[in-house]
Protein backbone atom coordinates (compact mmCIF):
# COMPACT_ATOMS: atom_id res chain seq x y z
CA LYS A 1 40.91 3.86 63.10
CA MET A 2 43.27 1.05 64.02
CA ILE A 3 40.91 -1.64 62.78
CA LYS A 4 40.55 0.16 59.44
CA ILE A 5 44.34 0.56 59.23
CA PHE A 6 44.89 -3.14 60.01
CA GLU A 7 42.26 -4.06 57.42
CA GLU A 8 43.92 -1.86 54.79
CA LEU A 9 47.29 -3.50 55.49
CA GLY A 10 45.82 -7.00 55.27
CA PHE A 11 46.35 -7.92 58.93
CA VAL A 12 42.63 -8.53 59.50
CA SER A 13 39.47 -8.88 57.46
CA ILE A 14 35.91 -7.93 58.26
CA GLU A 15 33.06 -9.91 56.74
CA ASN A 16 29.45 -9.48 57.85
CA GLY A 17 30.67 -7.51 60.86
CA ILE A 18 33.01 -10.27 62.03
CA LEU A 19 36.67 -9.44 62.51
CA SER A 20 39.15 -12.19 61.58
CA ALA A 21 42.92 -12.14 61.86
CA ALA A 22 44.86 -12.93 58.69
CA THR A 23 46.61 -16.30 58.78
CA ASN A 24 49.70 -15.12 56.89
CA PRO A 25 49.62 -11.33 56.93
CA PRO A 26 52.07 -9.49 54.70
CA HIS A 27 55.00 -7.80 56.43
CA GLN A 28 54.25 -4.08 56.20
CA GLU A 29 55.03 -1.03 58.25
CA ILE A 30 52.08 0.85 59.67
CA SER A 31 53.36 3.97 57.89
CA GLU A 32 52.50 2.28 54.57
CA SER A 33 48.80 2.76 55.32
CA SER A 34 47.18 5.77 53.65
CA ILE A 35 44.61 5.88 56.48
CA TYR A 36 47.40 6.04 59.07
CA THR A 37 49.30 8.69 57.11
CA ALA A 38 46.20 10.91 56.81
CA PHE A 39 45.33 10.41 60.48
CA ASN A 40 48.89 11.20 61.56
CA GLU A 41 48.84 14.43 59.55
CA THR A 42 45.52 15.42 61.15
CA VAL A 43 46.97 14.82 64.63
CA LYS A 44 50.00 16.99 63.80
CA GLN A 45 47.75 19.81 62.57
CA GLN A 46 45.53 19.60 65.65
CA ALA A 47 48.58 19.66 67.91
CA PHE A 48 49.85 22.78 66.15
CA TRP A 49 46.55 24.61 66.64
CA ALA A 50 46.07 23.42 70.22
CA LEU A 51 49.60 23.65 71.60
CA SER A 52 51.49 26.34 69.68
CA PRO A 53 52.04 29.75 71.22
CA ILE A 54 49.64 32.40 69.94
CA ALA A 55 52.50 34.32 68.32
CA GLU A 56 53.47 31.26 66.27
CA ILE A 57 49.89 30.73 65.10
CA TYR A 58 49.60 34.42 64.26
CA ASP A 59 52.83 34.30 62.22
CA PHE A 60 51.61 31.19 60.42
CA LEU A 61 48.31 32.84 59.49
CA LYS A 62 49.96 36.12 58.54
CA ASN A 63 52.48 34.44 56.23
CA ARG A 64 50.01 32.02 54.64
CA LYS A 65 49.25 32.65 50.99
């Protein structure tokens, strides 16, 4: 994921399977990456399902519309 995120942000490029660092990469925050944002949301959802008390998961499912 990190390589794809870095590629999206212009920090690296991949051509013919070869990874190259950008000579003058743009200054960007990692949170500007749509790949990172989607991955971060997935991690949060997985943490909820894996770590939340059963009662909290039950309430979530019961109140979902």
